[in-house]
Structures are given as structure tokens and as C-alpha cells.
């Protein structure tokens, strides 16, 4: 799966590879120190944030808790610009 921003896809693949390696080779063997992938995650996270800004995606909307609230069952507002 590609990232939200085309420019972030290679970073996502690097992070996914690192995470999968950490999970299978360390976490499942009891080592829960996740610092191994922290630096690539930070770079990838910044890239995603920039891509979201470029696509006018509001961080507050992404972080909003919806499950278990009245908003969970509301129909999203329609975009009349199409």
C-alpha cells in the first residue's frame, strides 16, 4: 500500500520493513524496546504531515474520536464542489 503522499511512499516502505523486522525478531521474543525504528518513523511522520497539509486534510478531523459517540452513525457532510 502506498502512502498518502507519493513522496512518502519510499519512506513508508522503509518504515514498514523496519517495523516488521523489529516485530518478528525482537517484540515477539520479549524485547519491547521500539527505538530501533524511531528515527525513520519521525521522518516518515513529517512527510505524511506535509502531504496532509498539501491535500488540505485537517489534523483535528483525523484525530477526532468518533467510535462510541453520536457522530459514529452520522452521514458525512456532502462535498458540493463536484
PDB file of N, CA and C in Angstrom:
ATOM      1  N   UNK A   1       0.854  -1.177   0.000  1.00  0.00           N
ATOM      2  CA  UNK A   1       0.000   0.000   0.000  1.00  0.00           C
ATOM      3  C   UNK A   1       0.897   1.236   0.000  1.00  0.00           C
ATOM      4  N   UNK A   2       0.549   2.181  -0.825  1.00  0.00           N
ATOM      5  CA  UNK A   2       1.305   3.427  -0.895  1.00  0.00           C
ATOM      6  C   UNK A   2       0.921   4.356   0.253  1.00  0.00           C
ATOM      7  N   UNK A   3       1.724   5.357   0.442  1.00  0.00           N
ATOM      8  CA  UNK A   3       1.463   6.355   1.463  1.00  0.00           C
ATOM      9  C   UNK A   3       0.484   7.395   0.933  1.00  0.00           C
ATOM     10  N   UNK A   4       0.016   8.252   1.823  1.00  0.00           N
ATOM     11  CA  UNK A   4      -0.912   9.323   1.460  1.00  0.00           C
ATOM     12  C   UNK A   4      -0.286  10.282   0.454  1.00  0.00           C
ATOM     13  N   UNK A   5       1.000  10.465   0.541  1.00  0.00           N
ATOM     14  CA  UNK A   5       1.717  11.326  -0.399  1.00  0.00           C
ATOM     15  C   UNK A   5       2.713  10.496  -1.189  1.00  0.00           C
ATOM     16  N   UNK A   6       2.702  10.653  -2.483  1.00  0.00           N
ATOM     17  CA  UNK A   6       3.610   9.875  -3.340  1.00  0.00           C
ATOM     18  C   UNK A   6       5.060  10.012  -2.884  1.00  0.00           C
ATOM     19  N   UNK A   7       5.414  11.220  -2.440  1.00  0.00           N
ATOM     20  CA  UNK A   7       6.788  11.469  -1.991  1.00  0.00           C
ATOM     21  C   UNK A   7       7.126  10.729  -0.703  1.00  0.00           C
ATOM     22  N   UNK A   8       6.123  10.179  -0.027  1.00  0.00           N
ATOM     23  CA  UNK A   8       6.332   9.469   1.241  1.00  0.00           C
ATOM     24  C   UNK A   8       6.351   7.955   1.086  1.00  0.00           C
ATOM     25  N   UNK A   9       6.041   7.457  -0.085  1.00  0.00           N
ATOM     26  CA  UNK A   9       5.879   6.012  -0.270  1.00  0.00           C
ATOM     27  C   UNK A   9       7.163   5.242   0.021  1.00  0.00           C
ATOM     28  N   UNK A  10       8.296   5.740  -0.440  1.00  0.00           N
ATOM     29  CA  UNK A  10       9.562   5.037  -0.175  1.00  0.00           C
ATOM     30  C   UNK A  10       9.881   5.023   1.319  1.00  0.00           C
ATOM     31  N   UNK A  11       9.618   6.144   2.001  1.00  0.00           N
ATOM     32  CA  UNK A  11       9.818   6.188   3.457  1.00  0.00           C
ATOM     33  C   UNK A  11       8.895   5.213   4.167  1.00  0.00           C
ATOM     34  N   UNK A  12       7.659   5.100   3.691  1.00  0.00           N
ATOM     35  CA  UNK A  12       6.704   4.163   4.286  1.00  0.00           C
ATOM     36  C   UNK A  12       7.213   2.737   4.148  1.00  0.00           C
ATOM     37  N   UNK A  13       7.728   2.402   2.974  1.00  0.00           N
ATOM     38  CA  UNK A  13       8.251   1.048   2.760  1.00  0.00           C
ATOM     39  C   UNK A  13       9.427   0.770   3.690  1.00  0.00           C
ATOM     40  N   UNK A  14      10.301   1.753   3.862  1.00  0.00           N
ATOM     41  CA  UNK A  14      11.444   1.576   4.773  1.00  0.00           C
ATOM     42  C   UNK A  14      10.959   1.387   6.203  1.00  0.00           C
ATOM     43  N   UNK A  15       9.989   2.202   6.608  1.00  0.00           N
ATOM     44  CA  UNK A  15       9.456   2.060   7.960  1.00  0.00           C
ATOM     45  C   UNK A  15       8.746   0.712   8.130  1.00  0.00           C
ATOM     46  N   UNK A  16       7.947   0.323   7.168  1.00  0.00           N
ATOM     47  CA  UNK A  16       7.252  -0.974   7.237  1.00  0.00           C
ATOM     48  C   UNK A  16       8.252  -2.118   7.368  1.00  0.00           C
ATOM     49  N   UNK A  17       9.313  -2.074   6.583  1.00  0.00           N
ATOM     50  CA  UNK A  17      10.343  -3.118   6.665  1.00  0.00           C
ATOM     51  C   UNK A  17      10.988  -3.143   8.046  1.00  0.00           C
ATOM     52  N   UNK A  18      11.310  -1.959   8.557  1.00  0.00           N
ATOM     53  CA  UNK A  18      11.925  -1.865   9.881  1.00  0.00           C
ATOM     54  C   UNK A  18      10.965  -2.396  10.948  1.00  0.00           C
ATOM     55  N   UNK A  19       9.717  -1.962  10.894  1.00  0.00           N
ATOM     56  CA  UNK A  19       8.733  -2.389  11.880  1.00  0.00           C
ATOM     57  C   UNK A  19       8.530  -3.904  11.841  1.00  0.00           C
ATOM     58  N   UNK A  20       8.380  -4.454  10.646  1.00  0.00           N
ATOM     59  CA  UNK A  20       8.170  -5.899  10.521  1.00  0.00           C
ATOM     60  C   UNK A  20       9.354  -6.686  11.057  1.00  0.00           C
ATOM     61  N   UNK A  21      10.553  -6.187  10.798  1.00  0.00           N
ATOM     62  CA  UNK A  21      11.757  -6.820  11.328  1.00  0.00           C
ATOM     63  C   UNK A  21      11.783  -6.737  12.852  1.00  0.00           C
ATOM     64  N   UNK A  22      11.534  -5.553  13.396  1.00  0.00           N
ATOM     65  CA  UNK A  22      11.507  -5.368  14.847  1.00  0.00           C
ATOM     66  C   UNK A  22      10.448  -6.258  15.486  1.00  0.00           C
ATOM     67  N   UNK A  23       9.267  -6.294  14.908  1.00  0.00           N
ATOM     68  CA  UNK A  23       8.170  -7.055  15.483  1.00  0.00           C
ATOM     69  C   UNK A  23       8.492  -8.548  15.528  1.00  0.00           C
ATOM     70  N   UNK A  24       8.963  -9.085  14.414  1.00  0.00           N
ATOM     71  CA  UNK A  24       9.204 -10.527  14.352  1.00  0.00           C
ATOM     72  C   UNK A  24      10.489 -10.951  15.060  1.00  0.00           C
ATOM     73  N   UNK A  25      11.523 -10.124  14.978  1.00  0.00           N
ATOM     74  CA  UNK A  25      12.811 -10.522  15.531  1.00  0.00           C
ATOM     75  C   UNK A  25      13.049 -10.069  16.973  1.00  0.00           C
ATOM     76  N   UNK A  26      12.278  -9.101  17.425  1.00  0.00           N
ATOM     77  CA  UNK A  26      12.501  -8.590  18.779  1.00  0.00           C
ATOM     78  C   UNK A  26      11.248  -8.647  19.648  1.00  0.00           C
ATOM     79  N   UNK A  27      10.204  -7.977  19.205  1.00  0.00           N
ATOM     80  CA  UNK A  27       8.999  -7.873  20.035  1.00  0.00           C
ATOM     81  C   UNK A  27       8.446  -9.240  20.403  1.00  0.00           C
ATOM     82  N   UNK A  28       8.309 -10.130  19.440  1.00  0.00           N
ATOM     83  CA  UNK A  28       7.752 -11.452  19.710  1.00  0.00           C
ATOM     84  C   UNK A  28       8.666 -12.306  20.583  1.00  0.00           C
ATOM     85  N   UNK A  29       9.910 -11.866  20.743  1.00  0.00           N
ATOM     86  CA  UNK A  29      10.853 -12.583  21.597  1.00  0.00           C
ATOM     87  C   UNK A  29      11.030 -11.886  22.947  1.00  0.00           C
ATOM     88  N   UNK A  30      10.153 -10.902  23.225  1.00  0.00           N
ATOM     89  CA  UNK A  30      10.150 -10.256  24.534  1.00  0.00           C
ATOM     90  C   UNK A  30      10.844  -8.915  24.614  1.00  0.00           C
ATOM     91  N   UNK A  31      11.514  -8.475  23.568  1.00  0.00           N
ATOM     92  CA  UNK A  31      12.189  -7.175  23.571  1.00  0.00           C
ATOM     93  C   UNK A  31      11.209  -6.120  23.062  1.00  0.00           C
ATOM     94  N   UNK A  32      10.681  -5.317  23.968  1.00  0.00           N
ATOM     95  CA  UNK A  32       9.657  -4.335  23.612  1.00  0.00           C
ATOM     96  C   UNK A  32      10.217  -2.936  23.376  1.00  0.00           C
ATOM     97  N   UNK A  33      11.532  -2.807  23.318  1.00  0.00           N
ATOM     98  CA  UNK A  33      12.173  -1.517  23.031  1.00  0.00           C
ATOM     99  C   UNK A  33      11.987  -1.207  21.546  1.00  0.00           C
ATOM    100  N   UNK A  34      11.129  -0.232  21.258  1.00  0.00           N
ATOM    101  CA  UNK A  34      10.805   0.082  19.865  1.00  0.00           C
ATOM    102  C   UNK A  34      11.644   1.220  19.272  1.00  0.00           C
ATOM    103  N   UNK A  35      12.757   1.549  19.907  1.00  0.00           N
ATOM    104  CA  UNK A  35      13.588   2.659  19.432  1.00  0.00           C
ATOM    105  C   UNK A  35      14.298   2.341  18.118  1.00  0.00           C
ATOM    106  N   UNK A  36      14.348   1.089  17.742  1.00  0.00           N
ATOM    107  CA  UNK A  36      15.043   0.660  16.528  1.00  0.00           C
ATOM    108  C   UNK A  36      14.534   1.405  15.285  1.00  0.00           C
ATOM    109  N   UNK A  37      13.253   1.681  15.219  1.00  0.00           N
ATOM    110  CA  UNK A  37      12.651   2.300  14.034  1.00  0.00           C
ATOM    111  C   UNK A  37      12.237   3.748  14.273  1.00  0.00           C
ATOM    112  N   UNK A  38      12.574   4.289  15.428  1.00  0.00           N
ATOM    113  CA  UNK A  38      12.096   5.624  15.810  1.00  0.00           C
ATOM    114  C   UNK A  38      12.548   6.719  14.839  1.00  0.00           C
ATOM    115  N   UNK A  39      13.785   6.670  14.390  1.00  0.00           N
ATOM    116  CA  UNK A  39      14.284   7.753  13.536  1.00  0.00           C
ATOM    117  C   UNK A  39      13.593   7.741  12.172  1.00  0.00           C
ATOM    118  N   UNK A  40      13.417   6.569  11.562  1.00  0.00           N
ATOM    119  CA  UNK A  40      12.746   6.513  10.259  1.00  0.00           C
ATOM    120  C   UNK A  40      11.267   6.845  10.419  1.00  0.00           C
ATOM    121  N   UNK A  41      10.682   6.483  11.568  1.00  0.00           N
ATOM    122  CA  UNK A  41       9.277   6.824  11.802  1.00  0.00           C
ATOM    123  C   UNK A  41       9.085   8.338  11.852  1.00  0.00           C
ATOM    124  N   UNK A  42       9.980   9.053  12.536  1.00  0.00           N
ATOM    125  CA  UNK A  42       9.865  10.506  12.637  1.00  0.00           C
ATOM    126  C   UNK A  42       9.935  11.167  11.261  1.00  0.00           C
ATOM    127  N   UNK A  43      10.850  10.706  10.428  1.00  0.00           N
ATOM    128  CA  UNK A  43      10.999  11.261   9.082  1.00  0.00           C
ATOM    129  C   UNK A  43       9.739  10.975   8.269  1.00  0.00           C
ATOM    130  N   UNK A  44       9.247   9.745   8.352  1.00  0.00           N
ATOM    131  CA  UNK A  44       8.036   9.370   7.630  1.00  0.00           C
ATOM    132  C   UNK A  44       6.832  10.162   8.131  1.00  0.00           C
ATOM    133  N   UNK A  45       6.725  10.316   9.440  1.00  0.00           N
ATOM    134  CA  UNK A  45       5.609  11.061  10.035  1.00  0.00           C
ATOM    135  C   UNK A  45       5.592  12.511   9.548  1.00  0.00           C
ATOM    136  N   UNK A  46       6.738  13.152   9.477  1.00  0.00           N
ATOM    137  CA  UNK A  46       6.813  14.526   8.980  1.00  0.00           C
ATOM    138  C   UNK A  46       6.402  14.600   7.511  1.00  0.00           C
ATOM    139  N   UNK A  47       6.814  13.617   6.747  1.00  0.00           N
ATOM    140  CA  UNK A  47       6.438  13.585   5.331  1.00  0.00           C
ATOM    141  C   UNK A  47       4.921  13.468   5.197  1.00  0.00           C
ATOM    142  N   UNK A  48       4.310  12.603   5.991  1.00  0.00           N
ATOM    143  CA  UNK A  48       2.855  12.421   5.949  1.00  0.00           C
ATOM    144  C   UNK A  48       2.142  13.706   6.367  1.00  0.00           C
ATOM    145  N   UNK A  49       2.635  14.355   7.413  1.00  0.00           N
ATOM    146  CA  UNK A  49       2.023  15.614   7.857  1.00  0.00           C
ATOM    147  C   UNK A  49       2.070  16.662   6.750  1.00  0.00           C
ATOM    148  N   UNK A  50       3.210  16.755   6.062  1.00  0.00           N
ATOM    149  CA  UNK A  50       3.328  17.715   4.956  1.00  0.00           C
ATOM    150  C   UNK A  50       2.386  17.354   3.806  1.00  0.00           C
ATOM    151  N   UNK A  51       2.268  16.073   3.510  1.00  0.00           N
ATOM    152  CA  UNK A  51       1.359  15.637   2.440  1.00  0.00           C
ATOM    153  C   UNK A  51      -0.090  15.954   2.819  1.00  0.00           C
ATOM    154  N   UNK A  52      -0.434  15.787   4.086  1.00  0.00           N
ATOM    155  CA  UNK A  52      -1.784  16.105   4.547  1.00  0.00           C
ATOM    156  C   UNK A  52      -2.057  17.599   4.399  1.00  0.00           C
ATOM    157  N   UNK A  53      -1.081  18.423   4.725  1.00  0.00           N
ATOM    158  CA  UNK A  53      -1.248  19.873   4.565  1.00  0.00           C
ATOM    159  C   UNK A  53      -1.462  20.223   3.097  1.00  0.00           C
ATOM    160  N   UNK A  54      -0.677  19.617   2.221  1.00  0.00           N
ATOM    161  CA  UNK A  54      -0.795  19.887   0.788  1.00  0.00           C
ATOM    162  C   UNK A  54      -2.157  19.473   0.244  1.00  0.00           C
ATOM    163  N   UNK A  55      -2.764  18.453   0.858  1.00  0.00           N
ATOM    164  CA  UNK A  55      -4.076  17.967   0.412  1.00  0.00           C
ATOM    165  C   UNK A  55      -5.221  18.556   1.241  1.00  0.00           C
ATOM    166  N   UNK A  56      -4.893  19.553   2.056  1.00  0.00           N
ATOM    167  CA  UNK A  56      -5.876  20.245   2.906  1.00  0.00           C
ATOM    168  C   UNK A  56      -6.653  19.292   3.807  1.00  0.00           C
ATOM    169  N   UNK A  57      -5.953  18.322   4.375  1.00  0.00           N
ATOM    170  CA  UNK A  57      -6.561  17.404   5.341  1.00  0.00           C
ATOM    171  C   UNK A  57      -6.303  17.970   6.726  1.00  0.00           C
ATOM    172  N   UNK A  58      -7.376  18.208   7.461  1.00  0.00           N
ATOM    173  CA  UNK A  58      -7.298  18.818   8.786  1.00  0.00           C
ATOM    174  C   UNK A  58      -6.888  17.777   9.820  1.00  0.00           C
ATOM    175  N   UNK A  59      -5.772  18.022  10.521  1.00  0.00           N
ATOM    176  CA  UNK A  59      -5.291  17.096  11.550  1.00  0.00           C
ATOM    177  C   UNK A  59      -6.344  16.857  12.626  1.00  0.00           C
ATOM    178  N   UNK A  60      -7.087  17.885  12.978  1.00  0.00           N
ATOM    179  CA  UNK A  60      -8.098  17.747  14.022  1.00  0.00           C
ATOM    180  C   UNK A  60      -9.181  16.752  13.609  1.00  0.00           C
ATOM    181  N   UNK A  61      -9.538  16.739  12.341  1.00  0.00           N
ATOM    182  CA  UNK A  61     -10.538  15.785  11.849  1.00  0.00           C
ATOM    183  C   UNK A  61     -10.002  14.359  11.902  1.00  0.00           C
ATOM    184  N   UNK A  62      -8.733  14.182  11.601  1.00  0.00           N
ATOM    185  CA  UNK A  62      -8.126  12.854  11.598  1.00  0.00           C
ATOM    186  C   UNK A  62      -8.033  12.306  13.026  1.00  0.00           C
ATOM    187  N   UNK A  63      -7.717  13.158  13.981  1.00  0.00           N
ATOM    188  CA  UNK A  63      -7.530  12.735  15.366  1.00  0.00           C
ATOM    189  C   UNK A  63      -8.825  12.646  16.173  1.00  0.00           C
ATOM    190  N   UNK A  64      -9.922  13.094  15.609  1.00  0.00           N
ATOM    191  CA  UNK A  64     -11.173  13.163  16.355  1.00  0.00           C
ATOM    192  C   UNK A  64     -11.677  11.765  16.725  1.00  0.00           C
ATOM    193  N   UNK A  65     -12.071  11.605  18.000  1.00  0.00           N
ATOM    194  CA  UNK A  65     -12.681  10.359  18.451  1.00  0.00           C
ATOM    195  C   UNK A  65     -14.117  10.308  17.962  1.00  0.00           C
ATOM    196  N   UNK A  66     -14.456   9.243  17.251  1.00  0.00           N
ATOM    197  CA  UNK A  66     -15.803   9.099  16.704  1.00  0.00           C
ATOM    198  C   UNK A  66     -16.478   7.833  17.238  1.00  0.00           C
ATOM    199  N   UNK A  67     -15.730   6.750  17.333  1.00  0.00           N
ATOM    200  CA  UNK A  67     -16.306   5.494  17.792  1.00  0.00           C
ATOM    201  C   UNK A  67     -16.896   5.640  19.189  1.00  0.00           C
ATOM    202  N   UNK A  68     -18.099   5.119  19.345  1.00  0.00           N
ATOM    203  CA  UNK A  68     -18.762   5.177  20.644  1.00  0.00           C
ATOM    204  C   UNK A  68     -19.426   6.508  20.926  1.00  0.00           C
ATOM    205  N   UNK A  69     -19.473   7.405  19.938  1.00  0.00           N
ATOM    206  CA  UNK A  69     -20.141   8.696  20.111  1.00  0.00           C
ATOM    207  C   UNK A  69     -21.305   8.792  19.131  1.00  0.00           C
ATOM    208  N   UNK A  70     -22.124   9.814  19.297  1.00  0.00           N
ATOM    209  CA  UNK A  70     -23.238  10.031  18.379  1.00  0.00           C
ATOM    210  C   UNK A  70     -22.753  10.272  16.947  1.00  0.00           C
ATOM    211  N   UNK A  71     -21.555  10.792  16.797  1.00  0.00           N
ATOM    212  CA  UNK A  71     -21.009  11.080  15.464  1.00  0.00           C
ATOM    213  C   UNK A  71     -20.714   9.816  14.668  1.00  0.00           C
ATOM    214  N   UNK A  72     -20.596   8.683  15.351  1.00  0.00           N
ATOM    215  CA  UNK A  72     -20.253   7.437  14.671  1.00  0.00           C
ATOM    216  C   UNK A  72     -21.290   7.076  13.603  1.00  0.00           C
ATOM    217  N   UNK A  73     -22.533   7.400  13.836  1.00  0.00           N
ATOM    218  CA  UNK A  73     -23.601   6.982  12.940  1.00  0.00           C
ATOM    219  C   UNK A  73     -24.118   8.095  12.033  1.00  0.00           C
ATOM    220  N   UNK A  74     -23.481   9.264  12.089  1.00  0.00           N
ATOM    221  CA  UNK A  74     -23.896  10.371  11.229  1.00  0.00           C
ATOM    222  C   UNK A  74     -23.319  10.206   9.830  1.00  0.00           C
ATOM    223  N   UNK A  75     -24.082  10.578   8.849  1.00  0.00           N
ATOM    224  CA  UNK A  75     -23.622  10.570   7.469  1.00  0.00           C
ATOM    225  C   UNK A  75     -22.665  11.744   7.302  1.00  0.00           C
ATOM    226  N   UNK A  76     -21.491  11.504   6.680  1.00  0.00           N
ATOM    227  CA  UNK A  76     -20.549  12.616   6.478  1.00  0.00           C
ATOM    228  C   UNK A  76     -21.185  13.714   5.624  1.00  0.00           C
ATOM    229  N   UNK A  77     -20.780  14.966   5.847  1.00  0.00           N
ATOM    230  CA  UNK A  77     -21.330  16.056   5.025  1.00  0.00           C
ATOM    231  C   UNK A  77     -20.942  15.838   3.567  1.00  0.00           C
ATOM    232  N   UNK A  78     -21.841  16.197   2.674  1.00  0.00           N
ATOM    233  CA  UNK A  78     -21.547  16.028   1.245  1.00  0.00           C
ATOM    234  C   UNK A  78     -20.670  17.170   0.769  1.00  0.00           C
ATOM    235  N   UNK A  79     -19.855  16.873  -0.225  1.00  0.00           N
ATOM    236  CA  UNK A  79     -18.985  17.879  -0.827  1.00  0.00           C
ATOM    237  C   UNK A  79     -19.676  18.359  -2.085  1.00  0.00           C
ATOM    238  N   UNK A  80     -20.211  19.554  -2.065  1.00  0.00           N
ATOM    239  CA  UNK A  80     -20.980  20.091  -3.190  1.00  0.00           C
ATOM    240  C   UNK A  80     -20.116  20.679  -4.286  1.00  0.00           C
ATOM    241  N   UNK A  81     -18.781  20.538  -4.165  1.00  0.00           N
ATOM    242  CA  UNK A  81     -17.894  21.157  -5.135  1.00  0.00           C
ATOM    243  C   UNK A  81     -17.727  20.319  -6.403  1.00  0.00           C
ATOM    244  N   UNK A  82     -18.327  19.120  -6.465  1.00  0.00           N
ATOM    245  CA  UNK A  82     -18.125  18.277  -7.651  1.00  0.00           C
ATOM    246  C   UNK A  82     -19.203  18.433  -8.679  1.00  0.00           C
TER     247      UNK A  82
END
